[in-house]
């Protein structure tokens, strides 16, 4: 038998290269831009709301802090007084005048200025504002509830609000307190 010898025949090969995409189609680009824009708008809206909330909370904190501080100052001063000059017993007034133990502090007067600022005047010293320009006080009333058997009781109330530029930023709070002269 004849042996068949086969030769390795080299077949011609054709090299095919895959074409890869180099970029996005127009539709894909538009979709990505729309999604990205919506995401940015949501973030900006959230940050805007967060800033408005922060500002409103700062306004509330300012009003409440100053109102509480003024209430403590008035209460402490009444406790330190020796007598009530004005308002007289069973009367109300917008000014509180107290007689103090120290002659340099006589009289100590709490009064409301024209711009809604509360002032304290001790003796012959100049009036000192107790509030800053971020808030204003209204409806300040001092009522003398003293009886012949009591040493002197004052009830006070006032409304404090912020100096808001818009109605949505406005905030006010009513403060009440009472104190008696300690002998």
Protein backbone atom coordinates (compact mmCIF):
# COMPACT_ATOMS: atom_id res chain seq x y z
CA UNK A 1 0.00 0.00 0.00
CA UNK A 2 1.03 3.22 -0.73
CA UNK A 3 1.40 5.47 2.00
CA UNK A 4 -0.24 8.70 1.61
CA UNK A 5 1.77 11.48 2.92
CA UNK A 6 -0.11 14.54 3.57
CA UNK A 7 1.54 17.81 3.67
CA UNK A 8 0.60 20.45 6.01
CA UNK A 9 -1.08 22.86 3.89
CA UNK A 10 -1.30 26.35 5.12
CA UNK A 11 -4.62 27.81 4.49
CA UNK A 12 -4.79 31.49 4.06
CA UNK A 13 -6.26 33.14 7.16
CA UNK A 14 -8.20 36.28 7.19
CA UNK A 15 -7.86 38.52 10.24
CA UNK A 16 -11.08 40.08 11.31
CA UNK A 17 -10.95 42.92 13.85
CA UNK A 18 -13.92 43.83 15.94
CA UNK A 19 -14.91 47.41 15.69
CA UNK A 20 -15.30 48.87 19.17
CA UNK A 21 -17.48 51.84 20.00
CA UNK A 22 -15.62 55.02 20.65
CA UNK A 23 -18.18 57.18 22.54
CA UNK A 24 -21.89 57.40 23.14
CA UNK A 25 -24.68 57.70 20.74
CA UNK A 26 -26.67 60.91 20.71
CA UNK A 27 -29.63 59.29 22.48
CA UNK A 28 -27.40 57.93 25.26
CA UNK A 29 -25.80 61.34 25.73
CA UNK A 30 -29.17 63.06 25.99
CA UNK A 31 -30.39 60.49 28.54
CA UNK A 32 -27.26 60.93 30.67
CA UNK A 33 -27.55 64.73 30.56
CA UNK A 34 -31.23 64.60 31.58
CA UNK A 35 -30.53 62.21 34.48
CA UNK A 36 -27.56 64.28 35.65
CA UNK A 37 -29.59 67.51 35.42
CA UNK A 38 -32.43 66.03 37.46
CA UNK A 39 -29.94 64.86 40.09
CA UNK A 40 -28.34 68.32 40.31
CA UNK A 41 -31.77 70.00 40.56
CA UNK A 42 -32.77 67.66 43.40
CA UNK A 43 -29.53 68.39 45.29
CA UNK A 44 -29.86 72.17 44.82
CA UNK A 45 -33.50 72.06 45.93
CA UNK A 46 -32.59 70.05 49.03
CA UNK A 47 -29.74 72.42 49.94
CA UNK A 48 -32.00 75.44 49.44
CA UNK A 49 -34.63 73.97 51.77
CA UNK A 50 -31.92 73.10 54.27
CA UNK A 51 -30.62 76.69 54.24
CA UNK A 52 -34.12 78.16 54.72
CA UNK A 53 -34.75 75.80 57.64
CA UNK A 54 -31.38 76.69 59.18
CA UNK A 55 -32.08 80.44 58.94
CA UNK A 56 -35.54 80.05 60.46
CA UNK A 57 -34.14 78.00 63.35
CA UNK A 58 -31.46 80.62 63.99
CA UNK A 59 -34.13 83.32 64.15
CA UNK A 60 -36.16 81.29 66.64
CA UNK A 61 -33.08 80.60 68.74
CA UNK A 62 -32.14 84.29 68.80
CA UNK A 63 -35.62 85.33 69.96
CA UNK A 64 -35.89 82.59 72.59
CA UNK A 65 -32.36 83.11 73.94
CA UNK A 66 -32.73 86.87 74.30
CA UNK A 67 -36.23 86.58 75.76
CA UNK A 68 -35.04 84.09 78.38
CA UNK A 69 -31.98 86.20 79.20
CA UNK A 70 -34.07 89.35 79.66
CA UNK A 71 -36.55 87.46 81.86
CA UNK A 72 -33.66 86.30 84.08
CA UNK A 73 -32.21 89.82 84.30
CA UNK A 74 -35.57 91.36 85.25
CA UNK A 75 -36.27 88.61 87.80
CA UNK A 76 -32.82 88.87 89.36
CA UNK A 77 -33.03 92.67 89.59
CA UNK A 78 -36.46 92.51 91.26
CA UNK A 79 -35.10 89.98 93.78
CA UNK A 80 -32.24 92.37 94.59
CA UNK A 81 -34.48 95.45 95.00
CA UNK A 82 -35.58 96.86 98.33
CA UNK A 83 -38.78 98.54 97.09
CA UNK A 84 -40.90 99.15 93.99
CA UNK A 85 -41.18 102.80 92.93
CA UNK A 86 -43.36 102.29 89.86
CA UNK A 87 -45.88 100.94 89.05
CA UNK A 88 -47.71 101.45 92.31
CA UNK A 89 -49.63 98.65 94.01
CA UNK A 90 -52.43 97.14 91.87
CA UNK A 91 -51.32 99.16 88.83
CA UNK A 92 -49.65 98.29 85.51
CA UNK A 93 -47.13 100.28 83.50
CA UNK A 94 -44.63 99.95 80.67
CA UNK A 95 -41.80 101.15 82.92
CA UNK A 96 -40.48 99.42 86.02
CA UNK A 97 -38.63 101.54 88.58
CA UNK A 98 -36.98 99.80 91.53
CA UNK A 99 -35.22 101.05 94.64
CA UNK A 100 -31.96 99.23 95.17
CA UNK A 101 -29.83 98.75 98.29
CA UNK A 102 -26.89 100.55 96.71
CA UNK A 103 -27.42 104.31 96.29
CA UNK A 104 -25.38 104.26 93.06
CA UNK A 105 -28.02 101.98 91.49
CA UNK A 106 -31.04 104.04 92.60
CA UNK A 107 -33.33 104.00 90.84
CA UNK A 108 -32.97 101.01 88.51
CA UNK A 109 -35.38 101.48 85.63
CA UNK A 110 -36.46 99.11 82.86
CA UNK A 111 -37.98 100.93 79.89
CA UNK A 112 -38.84 100.26 76.28
CA UNK A 113 -37.18 102.45 73.66
CA UNK A 114 -38.87 103.65 70.49
CA UNK A 115 -37.23 101.02 68.28
CA UNK A 116 -38.47 98.08 70.37
CA UNK A 117 -35.28 97.89 72.43
CA UNK A 118 -35.42 97.22 76.17
CA UNK A 119 -33.13 99.45 78.25
CA UNK A 120 -31.93 99.31 81.85
CA UNK A 121 -30.80 102.48 83.61
CA UNK A 122 -29.02 102.08 86.94
CA UNK A 123 -28.80 105.27 88.98
CA UNK A 124 -27.28 108.17 87.08
CA UNK A 125 -25.59 105.91 84.51
CA UNK A 126 -26.56 105.93 80.84
CA UNK A 127 -29.27 103.58 79.64
CA UNK A 128 -27.88 100.24 78.48
CA UNK A 129 -29.73 98.22 75.81
CA UNK A 130 -30.59 94.67 76.87
CA UNK A 131 -31.50 93.54 73.35
CA UNK A 132 -29.58 93.63 70.10
CA UNK A 133 -30.71 94.87 66.70
CA UNK A 134 -31.91 91.42 65.58
CA UNK A 135 -35.02 91.45 67.78
CA UNK A 136 -37.64 93.89 68.97
CA UNK A 137 -39.88 93.94 72.02
CA UNK A 138 -43.52 94.94 72.07
CA UNK A 139 -46.40 94.81 74.55
CA UNK A 140 -44.11 95.24 77.57
CA UNK A 141 -46.18 95.36 80.77
CA UNK A 142 -45.13 95.43 84.42
CA UNK A 143 -47.95 94.76 86.88
CA UNK A 144 -47.51 95.38 90.61
CA UNK A 145 -49.36 92.67 92.56
CA UNK A 146 -48.09 93.83 95.95
CA UNK A 147 -50.41 93.59 98.93
CA UNK A 148 -49.99 95.30 102.30
CA UNK A 149 -48.73 92.01 103.78
CA UNK A 150 -46.28 91.21 100.97
CA UNK A 151 -42.96 92.87 100.31
CA UNK A 152 -43.55 93.47 96.59
CA UNK A 153 -44.48 91.24 93.69
CA UNK A 154 -44.10 92.20 90.03
CA UNK A 155 -45.52 90.25 87.12
CA UNK A 156 -44.07 91.12 83.71
CA UNK A 157 -44.87 90.12 80.17
CA UNK A 158 -43.59 91.05 76.75
CA UNK A 159 -43.60 89.88 73.18
CA UNK A 160 -40.30 89.49 71.38
CA UNK A 161 -39.97 89.02 67.63
CA UNK A 162 -37.20 89.01 65.11
CA UNK A 163 -36.47 91.74 62.59
CA UNK A 164 -37.69 89.67 59.63
CA UNK A 165 -37.55 90.99 56.11
CA UNK A 166 -40.32 88.68 54.86
CA UNK A 167 -43.43 87.30 56.52
CA UNK A 168 -42.19 83.73 56.09
CA UNK A 169 -39.12 84.59 58.20
CA UNK A 170 -41.06 86.23 61.02
CA UNK A 171 -41.14 84.65 64.44
CA UNK A 172 -42.28 85.97 67.80
CA UNK A 173 -42.79 84.57 71.25
CA UNK A 174 -44.53 85.78 74.40
CA UNK A 175 -42.57 85.77 77.65
CA UNK A 176 -44.07 85.91 81.14
CA UNK A 177 -42.54 86.02 84.57
CA UNK A 178 -43.01 87.18 88.10
CA UNK A 179 -40.69 87.93 90.96
CA UNK A 180 -40.85 89.16 94.50
CA UNK A 181 -38.54 91.37 96.47
CA UNK A 182 -36.40 89.35 98.84
CA UNK A 183 -35.75 90.99 102.19
